[in-house]
Amino acid sequence: MSTTTQETPNGNPKRKRWLLILLAVVILAGLASVAWEVLYGRWHEDTDDAYVNGNVVQITPQITGTVVSIGADDGDLVHKGQVLVKFDPSDADIALQQAEANLARTVRQVRGLFSNVDGYKADVATKKVALAKAEADFKRRQNLANDGAISQEELAHARDALDTARSSLTNSEQQLDTNRALVDDTVIASHPDVKAAAAKLRQAYLDDARAVIIAPVTGYVAKRTVQVGQRVQPGTALMAVIPLDQVWIDANFKETQLKHMRIGQPVEIRSDLYGSEVKYSGTVDSLGVGTGSAFSLLPAQNATGNWIKIVQRVPVRIRVNAEELAKNPLRIGLSMDVNVSLHDQSGPALAQQPPHEAVFSTDVYQEQLASADQLIEKLIQANLADANHRTAQR
């Protein structure tokens, strides 16, 4: 018994030492956790619920056509203005030729209207001279009839001639007014008939140009579904062009993480594609104005007593550094890890000014319309050549 009582005290110091070590580890871990939260954690918010997004430019026809050629396939790089799809151009070419002929004919017809006005002006001037002569003859015969030099019958004939001249002048003036109303305050190029014919030609030209579908932006082809020989209708999705140099990241943060998040704050980004070897830098571009569930097809309905509170997530758009993106390109839909630094909270939580210019645009279709206007001007001038030549001779 004496041996047992002597061994127990010898074991207590060792046990106490391990307990003290464990207590010290717990205290150090607690202090480290507090220090991490104070020095780093409260100044950063991160999430792995983030994905690459970007502009997916749909390539759709604007006219009905039969595909005869496809200029690019999935994964191909295409430049703005490059031909992607061609339709059979026969119908569009015929319609364009008809529209050109219609415009030329309309210009010549309107030229005739202006010429008619000149003719009626000359006719009115002639009728005024005839009326003046008839009035003079009637007055002379009236004086002679009063003196008994001519018969009343001859005076009646003079009166009839005067009435006829007046009626003829009135008729010519009415015809002049009618024809003048068709051309008043216009020139041939601005005449309504010419403008209507020009509009038809412009539409026919665009339809002919749209038989060739071009890339509106520079990017990479994806989701090609069109096939040669396929008859497609306007609005049918043929393929998509994605400019990978203009992608961004949509990061879904919990609502509890947004309290100190502001536009313009720096972001550190890592992709699952490249791993930790490649890191991107970016900035917070905008904070969403609603949660993901609020804009879902079937929003959650919590107006019942049977519901479970779930922390909602709000999409935050992050702009990626363009130079880093060019070195290590990303694809639409890739998973990303983002870490937002909250040190600078001077920025706004919501945008304060509207955009001053288009966020994303193309001008390739304006070039088609400009070419149509040049053709219209050329046709009008060609069919005015004879009139201009005659005017110069005068």
Protein backbone atom coordinates (compact mmCIF):
# COMPACT_ATOMS: atom_id res chain seq x y z
CA MET A 1 0.00 0.00 0.00
CA SER A 2 2.85 2.33 0.75
CA THR A 3 4.26 1.75 -2.75
CA THR A 4 0.99 2.87 -4.41
CA THR A 5 0.73 6.07 -2.45
CA GLN A 6 4.27 7.00 -3.43
CA GLU A 7 3.76 6.46 -7.24
CA THR A 8 0.58 8.61 -7.60
CA PRO A 9 2.20 11.92 -6.72
CA ASN A 10 4.99 11.21 -9.21
CA GLY A 11 2.42 10.94 -12.11
CA ASN A 12 0.58 14.26 -11.47
CA PRO A 13 3.32 16.62 -12.74
CA LYS A 14 3.41 14.93 -16.15
CA ARG A 15 -0.35 15.08 -16.57
CA LYS A 16 -0.46 18.69 -15.48
CA ARG A 17 2.28 19.51 -18.00
CA TRP A 18 0.23 18.07 -20.89
CA LEU A 19 -2.86 19.86 -19.74
CA LEU A 20 -0.92 23.11 -19.60
CA ILE A 21 0.45 22.49 -23.10
CA LEU A 22 -3.05 21.79 -24.40
CA LEU A 23 -4.37 24.92 -22.69
CA ALA A 24 -1.54 26.98 -24.19
CA VAL A 25 -2.31 25.57 -27.68
CA VAL A 26 -6.00 26.44 -27.30
CA ILE A 27 -5.16 29.94 -26.09
CA LEU A 28 -2.67 30.46 -28.92
CA ALA A 29 -5.19 29.18 -31.45
CA GLY A 30 -7.80 31.55 -30.05
CA LEU A 31 -5.39 34.46 -30.14
CA ALA A 32 -4.35 33.54 -33.68
CA SER A 33 -7.98 33.37 -34.72
CA VAL A 34 -8.72 36.74 -33.17
CA ALA A 35 -5.58 38.24 -34.71
CA TRP A 36 -6.50 36.81 -38.13
CA GLU A 37 -10.00 38.23 -37.87
CA VAL A 38 -8.79 41.64 -36.70
CA LEU A 39 -5.86 41.96 -39.09
CA TYR A 40 -7.16 40.10 -42.18
CA GLY A 41 -10.52 38.39 -41.95
CA ARG A 42 -12.69 41.43 -41.39
CA TRP A 43 -10.98 43.20 -44.30
CA HIS A 44 -11.58 40.45 -46.85
CA GLU A 45 -14.55 38.54 -48.25
CA ASP A 46 -14.15 35.51 -50.47
CA THR A 47 -16.28 32.96 -52.28
CA ASP A 48 -15.83 30.07 -54.65
CA ASP A 49 -19.35 30.48 -56.03
CA ALA A 50 -18.05 32.54 -58.96
CA TYR A 51 -18.09 31.93 -62.69
CA VAL A 52 -16.74 33.54 -65.85
CA ASN A 53 -19.34 35.34 -67.94
CA GLY A 54 -19.21 37.44 -71.09
CA ASN A 55 -21.00 38.70 -74.17
CA VAL A 56 -22.39 35.87 -76.28
CA VAL A 57 -23.15 37.50 -79.63
CA GLN A 58 -25.85 35.48 -81.38
CA ILE A 59 -25.51 35.18 -85.15
CA THR A 60 -29.03 35.20 -86.60
CA PRO A 61 -30.25 35.87 -90.16
CA GLN A 62 -32.39 38.88 -90.97
CA ILE A 63 -33.88 37.36 -94.13
CA THR A 64 -35.10 33.94 -95.20
CA GLY A 65 -32.47 32.02 -97.15
CA THR A 66 -30.88 28.72 -98.09
CA VAL A 67 -27.36 28.22 -96.71
CA VAL A 68 -24.75 27.60 -99.41
CA SER A 69 -21.55 28.29 -97.47
CA ILE A 70 -20.29 28.30 -93.85
CA GLY A 71 -17.14 30.31 -93.16
CA ALA A 72 -16.24 29.30 -89.59
CA ASP A 73 -16.66 26.41 -87.16
CA ASP A 74 -16.63 26.01 -83.37
CA GLY A 75 -13.43 27.34 -81.79
CA ASP A 76 -12.35 29.37 -84.83
CA LEU A 77 -11.18 32.95 -84.39
CA VAL A 78 -13.12 35.40 -86.56
CA HIS A 79 -12.58 39.12 -87.05
CA LYS A 80 -15.25 41.79 -87.25
CA GLY A 81 -16.67 41.88 -90.77
CA GLN A 82 -15.52 38.36 -91.68
CA VAL A 83 -18.03 36.23 -93.64
CA LEU A 84 -19.65 33.55 -91.47
CA VAL A 85 -22.57 32.27 -93.55
CA LYS A 86 -23.70 32.78 -97.17
CA PHE A 87 -27.22 32.32 -98.56
CA ASP A 88 -28.27 31.62 -102.13
CA PRO A 89 -28.27 35.21 -103.53
CA SER A 90 -30.52 34.68 -106.59
CA ASP A 91 -33.80 36.04 -105.18
CA ALA A 92 -32.14 38.98 -103.47
CA ASP A 93 -30.21 39.93 -106.62
CA ILE A 94 -33.39 39.96 -108.71
CA ALA A 95 -35.24 42.06 -106.15
CA LEU A 96 -32.33 44.52 -106.08
CA GLN A 97 -32.35 44.88 -109.86
CA GLN A 98 -36.10 45.51 -109.84
CA ALA A 99 -35.69 48.16 -107.14
CA GLU A 100 -32.92 49.87 -109.13
CA ALA A 101 -35.11 49.96 -112.24
CA ASN A 102 -38.04 51.28 -110.21
CA LEU A 103 -35.95 54.13 -108.79
CA ALA A 104 -34.64 55.09 -112.23
CA ARG A 105 -38.16 55.07 -113.68
CA THR A 106 -39.51 57.14 -110.76
CA VAL A 107 -36.79 59.77 -111.17
CA ARG A 108 -37.67 60.14 -114.85
CA GLN A 109 -41.38 60.36 -114.05
CA VAL A 110 -40.76 63.07 -111.48
CA ARG A 111 -38.61 64.88 -114.01
CA GLY A 112 -41.71 64.78 -116.23
CA LEU A 113 -43.78 66.40 -113.46
CA PHE A 114 -41.33 69.29 -113.21
CA SER A 115 -41.36 69.58 -117.01
CA ASN A 116 -45.18 69.63 -117.01
CA VAL A 117 -45.15 72.59 -114.64
CA ASP A 118 -42.92 74.51 -117.04
CA GLY A 119 -45.24 73.59 -119.93
CA TYR A 120 -48.35 74.71 -118.09
CA LYS A 121 -46.67 77.97 -117.14
CA ALA A 122 -46.01 78.63 -120.82
CA ASP A 123 -49.59 77.63 -121.66
CA VAL A 124 -50.99 80.04 -119.04
CA ALA A 125 -48.86 82.84 -120.45
CA THR A 126 -50.21 82.08 -123.93
CA LYS A 127 -53.80 81.99 -122.68
CA LYS A 128 -53.32 85.37 -120.95
CA VAL A 129 -52.17 86.89 -124.25
CA ALA A 130 -55.20 85.36 -126.00
CA LEU A 131 -57.52 86.73 -123.29
CA ALA A 132 -56.02 90.20 -123.61
CA LYS A 133 -56.54 90.05 -127.37
CA ALA A 134 -60.15 88.84 -126.92
CA GLU A 135 -60.85 91.63 -124.45
CA ALA A 136 -59.43 94.23 -126.86
CA ASP A 137 -61.47 92.80 -129.77
CA PHE A 138 -64.66 92.84 -127.70
CA LYS A 139 -64.15 96.46 -126.60
CA ARG A 140 -63.46 97.54 -130.18
CA ARG A 141 -66.52 95.76 -131.53
CA GLN A 142 -68.60 97.07 -128.66
CA ASN A 143 -67.71 100.66 -129.65
CA LEU A 144 -68.43 99.88 -133.28
CA ALA A 145 -71.77 98.30 -132.34
CA ASN A 146 -72.72 101.39 -130.38
CA ASP A 147 -72.05 103.47 -133.51
CA GLY A 148 -74.03 101.00 -135.63
CA ALA A 149 -70.97 100.04 -137.66
CA ILE A 150 -71.37 96.27 -136.94
CA SER A 151 -74.28 94.06 -136.17
CA GLN A 152 -75.24 92.74 -132.75
CA GLU A 153 -74.51 89.24 -133.98
CA GLU A 154 -70.87 90.09 -134.62
CA LEU A 155 -70.69 91.64 -131.14
CA ALA A 156 -72.15 88.43 -129.66
CA HIS A 157 -69.44 86.42 -131.43
CA ALA A 158 -66.79 88.67 -129.88
CA ARG A 159 -68.38 88.22 -126.44
CA ASP A 160 -68.35 84.43 -126.89
CA ALA A 161 -64.69 84.54 -127.92
CA LEU A 162 -63.90 86.56 -124.77
CA ASP A 163 -65.76 84.07 -122.54
CA THR A 164 -63.96 81.17 -124.23
CA ALA A 165 -60.57 82.82 -123.65
CA ARG A 166 -61.38 83.39 -119.99
CA SER A 167 -62.52 79.78 -119.51
CA SER A 168 -59.44 78.51 -121.29
CA LEU A 169 -57.17 80.62 -119.06
CA THR A 170 -58.99 79.45 -115.92
CA ASN A 171 -58.63 75.81 -117.02
CA SER A 172 -54.91 76.24 -117.72
CA GLU A 173 -54.36 77.94 -114.35
CA GLN A 174 -56.14 75.08 -112.57
CA GLN A 175 -53.99 72.53 -114.40
CA LEU A 176 -50.89 74.53 -113.48
CA ASP A 177 -51.94 74.61 -109.80
CA THR A 178 -52.63 70.85 -109.85
CA ASN A 179 -49.24 70.00 -111.31
CA ARG A 180 -47.44 72.58 -109.19
CA ALA A 181 -48.91 70.96 -106.04
CA LEU A 182 -47.12 67.74 -107.02
CA VAL A 183 -43.68 69.37 -107.02
CA ASP A 184 -43.94 72.42 -104.75
CA ASP A 185 -41.12 72.90 -102.20
CA THR A 186 -39.18 69.91 -103.52
CA VAL A 187 -36.38 69.01 -105.85
CA ILE A 188 -36.29 65.74 -107.75
CA ALA A 189 -34.14 63.96 -105.12
CA SER A 190 -36.46 64.99 -102.27
CA HIS A 191 -39.73 64.31 -104.09
CA PRO A 192 -41.97 61.88 -102.14
CA ASP A 193 -42.18 59.43 -105.05
CA VAL A 194 -38.40 59.38 -105.42
CA LYS A 195 -37.92 58.97 -101.65
CA ALA A 196 -40.40 56.06 -101.60
CA ALA A 197 -38.58 54.37 -104.49
CA ALA A 198 -35.25 55.02 -102.75
CA ALA A 199 -36.58 53.40 -99.57
CA LYS A 200 -37.58 50.30 -101.54
CA LEU A 201 -34.13 50.19 -103.12
CA ARG A 202 -32.50 50.61 -99.70
CA GLN A 203 -34.51 47.65 -98.36
CA ALA A 204 -33.68 45.54 -101.41
CA TYR A 205 -30.00 46.44 -101.09
CA LEU A 206 -29.96 45.49 -97.41
CA ASP A 207 -31.72 42.21 -98.16
CA ASP A 208 -29.10 41.48 -100.82
CA ALA A 209 -26.27 42.39 -98.43
CA ARG A 210 -27.85 40.29 -95.67
CA ALA A 211 -27.59 37.23 -97.87
CA VAL A 212 -24.01 37.27 -96.55
CA ILE A 213 -23.87 37.13 -92.73
CA ILE A 214 -20.76 38.73 -91.27
CA ALA A 215 -19.26 38.71 -87.81
CA PRO A 216 -20.39 41.80 -85.86
CA VAL A 217 -17.42 41.56 -83.45
CA THR A 218 -14.04 39.87 -83.18
CA GLY A 219 -14.16 36.67 -81.14
CA TYR A 220 -14.37 32.91 -81.13
CA VAL A 221 -17.16 30.84 -82.70
CA ALA A 222 -19.28 28.62 -80.45
CA LYS A 223 -22.52 26.64 -80.68
CA ARG A 224 -22.58 26.30 -84.48
CA THR A 225 -25.81 24.57 -85.46
CA VAL A 226 -26.28 25.69 -89.08
CA GLN A 227 -25.69 23.25 -91.95
CA VAL A 228 -25.23 23.72 -95.70
CA GLY A 229 -28.55 23.40 -97.52
CA GLN A 230 -30.57 24.37 -94.49
CA ARG A 231 -33.48 26.75 -95.10
CA VAL A 232 -33.41 29.23 -92.24
CA GLN A 233 -35.88 31.87 -91.10
CA PRO A 234 -35.11 35.29 -89.61
CA GLY A 235 -34.12 35.02 -85.96
CA THR A 236 -32.85 31.42 -86.15
CA ALA A 237 -29.71 30.99 -84.02
CA LEU A 238 -26.95 29.79 -86.38
CA MET A 239 -23.90 30.19 -84.13
CA ALA A 240 -22.45 32.53 -81.52
CA VAL A 241 -19.33 34.69 -81.44
CA ILE A 242 -17.74 35.25 -78.02
CA PRO A 243 -15.11 37.99 -77.54
CA LEU A 244 -12.99 36.35 -74.84
CA ASP A 245 -11.02 39.56 -74.29
CA GLN A 246 -14.11 41.16 -72.74
CA VAL A 247 -15.20 38.59 -70.16
CA TRP A 248 -15.99 39.32 -66.53
CA ILE A 249 -16.72 37.32 -63.38
CA ASP A 250 -20.07 37.00 -61.65
CA ALA A 251 -19.34 36.16 -58.00
CA ASN A 252 -22.29 35.19 -55.80
CA PHE A 253 -21.65 36.47 -52.27
CA LYS A 254 -23.82 35.81 -49.24
CA GLU A 255 -25.91 38.77 -48.18
CA THR A 256 -23.98 38.86 -44.90
CA GLN A 257 -20.76 39.52 -46.84
CA LEU A 258 -21.93 42.68 -48.61
CA LYS A 259 -22.02 45.13 -45.69
CA HIS A 260 -18.61 46.69 -46.42
CA MET A 261 -18.33 45.82 -50.10
CA ARG A 262 -18.06 48.81 -52.47
CA ILE A 263 -17.58 49.49 -56.18
CA GLY A 264 -13.92 49.84 -57.10
CA GLN A 265 -12.47 47.63 -54.36
CA PRO A 266 -9.54 45.44 -55.50
CA VAL A 267 -10.09 41.73 -56.02
CA GLU A 268 -7.70 38.80 -56.14
CA ILE A 269 -8.88 36.03 -58.48
CA ARG A 270 -7.87 32.41 -58.98
CA SER A 271 -9.25 30.01 -61.55
CA ASP A 272 -9.75 26.27 -61.27
CA LEU A 273 -8.35 26.03 -64.81
CA TYR A 274 -4.85 27.29 -63.96
CA GLY A 275 -4.85 26.67 -60.21
CA SER A 276 -2.82 28.71 -57.75
CA GLU A 277 0.01 29.20 -60.27
CA VAL A 278 -1.93 31.97 -62.02
CA LYS A 279 -3.61 34.79 -60.15
CA TYR A 280 -5.61 37.63 -61.68
CA SER A 281 -6.29 41.07 -60.31
CA GLY A 282 -9.56 42.88 -60.76
CA THR A 283 -11.98 45.37 -59.31
CA VAL A 284 -15.58 45.29 -58.18
CA ASP A 285 -17.56 46.65 -61.14
CA SER A 286 -21.07 46.53 -59.69
CA LEU A 287 -23.17 44.94 -56.97
CA GLY A 288 -26.39 43.22 -57.97
CA VAL A 289 -29.71 44.94 -57.29
CA GLY A 290 -31.43 41.69 -56.30
CA THR A 291 -30.73 38.20 -55.10
CA GLY A 292 -30.49 35.27 -57.43
CA SER A 293 -33.74 33.77 -56.16
CA ALA A 294 -35.62 37.03 -56.75
CA PHE A 295 -34.94 36.83 -60.50
CA SER A 296 -35.42 33.08 -60.85
CA LEU A 297 -38.12 31.63 -63.05
CA LEU A 298 -40.11 30.55 -60.00
CA PRO A 299 -39.27 32.96 -57.14
CA ALA A 300 -39.55 31.61 -53.60
CA GLN A 301 -42.85 32.43 -51.90
CA ASN A 302 -42.32 32.92 -48.17
CA ALA A 303 -45.76 34.34 -47.36
CA THR A 304 -46.65 31.20 -45.43
CA GLY A 305 -45.91 30.01 -41.92
CA ASN A 306 -44.07 26.98 -43.25
CA TRP A 307 -40.67 28.24 -44.39
CA ILE A 308 -36.97 27.96 -43.63
CA LYS A 309 -34.74 31.00 -43.67
CA ILE A 310 -31.88 30.58 -46.15
CA VAL A 311 -29.01 32.99 -46.52
CA GLN A 312 -29.46 34.61 -49.93
CA ARG A 313 -26.70 35.29 -52.44
CA VAL A 314 -26.25 38.48 -54.46
CA PRO A 315 -24.29 38.55 -57.76
CA VAL A 316 -21.28 40.87 -57.80
CA ARG A 317 -19.68 41.66 -61.15
CA ILE A 318 -15.88 41.79 -61.15
CA ARG A 319 -13.81 43.31 -63.94
CA VAL A 320 -10.63 41.38 -64.75
CA ASN A 321 -7.31 43.01 -65.68
CA ALA A 322 -7.16 42.95 -69.49
CA GLU A 323 -3.39 42.37 -69.72
CA GLU A 324 -3.51 39.39 -67.37
CA LEU A 325 -6.53 38.07 -69.25
CA ALA A 326 -4.62 38.25 -72.54
CA LYS A 327 -1.74 36.20 -71.07
CA ASN A 328 -4.03 33.54 -69.58
CA PRO A 329 -7.39 33.56 -71.41
CA LEU A 330 -10.53 32.33 -69.69
CA ARG A 331 -13.62 30.63 -71.09
CA ILE A 332 -17.28 31.30 -70.43
CA GLY A 333 -18.59 29.33 -67.44
CA LEU A 334 -15.26 28.50 -65.75
CA SER A 335 -15.26 28.28 -61.95
CA MET A 336 -13.30 30.95 -60.08
CA ASP A 337 -12.26 31.83 -56.53
CA VAL A 338 -12.40 35.53 -55.67
CA ASN A 339 -11.20 37.48 -52.67
CA VAL A 340 -12.30 41.08 -52.22
CA SER A 341 -10.21 43.51 -50.16
CA LEU A 342 -12.46 45.73 -48.02
CA HIS A 343 -9.85 48.22 -46.82
CA ASP A 344 -10.99 51.00 -49.15
CA GLN A 345 -14.67 51.68 -48.47
CA SER A 346 -14.83 55.11 -50.07
CA GLY A 347 -16.64 53.89 -53.18
CA PRO A 348 -20.44 53.70 -53.54
CA ALA A 349 -22.46 50.54 -53.03
CA LEU A 350 -24.54 51.32 -56.13
CA ALA A 351 -23.68 53.15 -59.37
CA GLN A 352 -24.24 56.90 -59.11
CA GLN A 353 -24.12 57.84 -62.81
CA PRO A 354 -25.67 56.27 -65.92
CA PRO A 355 -23.35 54.97 -68.68
CA HIS A 356 -22.14 57.75 -70.98
CA GLU A 357 -21.75 55.44 -73.99
CA ALA A 358 -22.86 52.04 -75.22
CA VAL A 359 -21.51 49.20 -73.09
CA PHE A 360 -21.10 46.95 -76.13
CA SER A 361 -21.83 47.79 -79.77
CA THR A 362 -20.95 47.15 -83.42
CA ASP A 363 -20.96 49.33 -86.53
CA VAL A 364 -20.74 46.70 -89.29
CA TYR A 365 -24.42 47.11 -90.22
CA GLN A 366 -24.09 50.88 -90.57
CA GLU A 367 -21.51 50.30 -93.29
CA GLN A 368 -24.10 48.31 -95.28
CA LEU A 369 -26.59 51.16 -95.05
CA ALA A 370 -23.96 53.70 -96.14
CA SER A 371 -23.25 51.63 -99.25
CA ALA A 372 -26.98 51.56 -100.04
CA ASP A 373 -27.16 55.37 -99.81
CA GLN A 374 -24.21 55.70 -102.18
CA LEU A 375 -25.96 53.48 -104.76
CA ILE A 376 -29.17 55.54 -104.47
CA GLU A 377 -27.29 58.80 -104.99
CA LYS A 378 -25.51 57.34 -108.01
CA LEU A 379 -28.76 56.20 -109.65
CA ILE A 380 -30.50 59.53 -109.05
CA GLN A 381 -27.62 61.49 -110.53
CA ALA A 382 -27.41 59.16 -113.54
CA ASN A 383 -31.09 59.69 -114.36
CA LEU A 384 -30.80 63.46 -113.84
CA ALA A 385 -27.93 63.74 -116.31
CA ASP A 386 -30.11 64.58 -119.32
CA ALA A 387 -32.07 67.20 -117.37
CA ASN A 388 -28.89 68.83 -116.08
CA HIS A 389 -27.46 68.84 -119.61
CA ARG A 390 -30.52 70.61 -121.00
CA THR A 391 -30.52 73.11 -118.14
CA ALA A 392 -26.86 73.93 -118.89
CA GLN A 393 -27.66 74.49 -122.56
CA ARG A 394 -30.38 76.98 -121.60
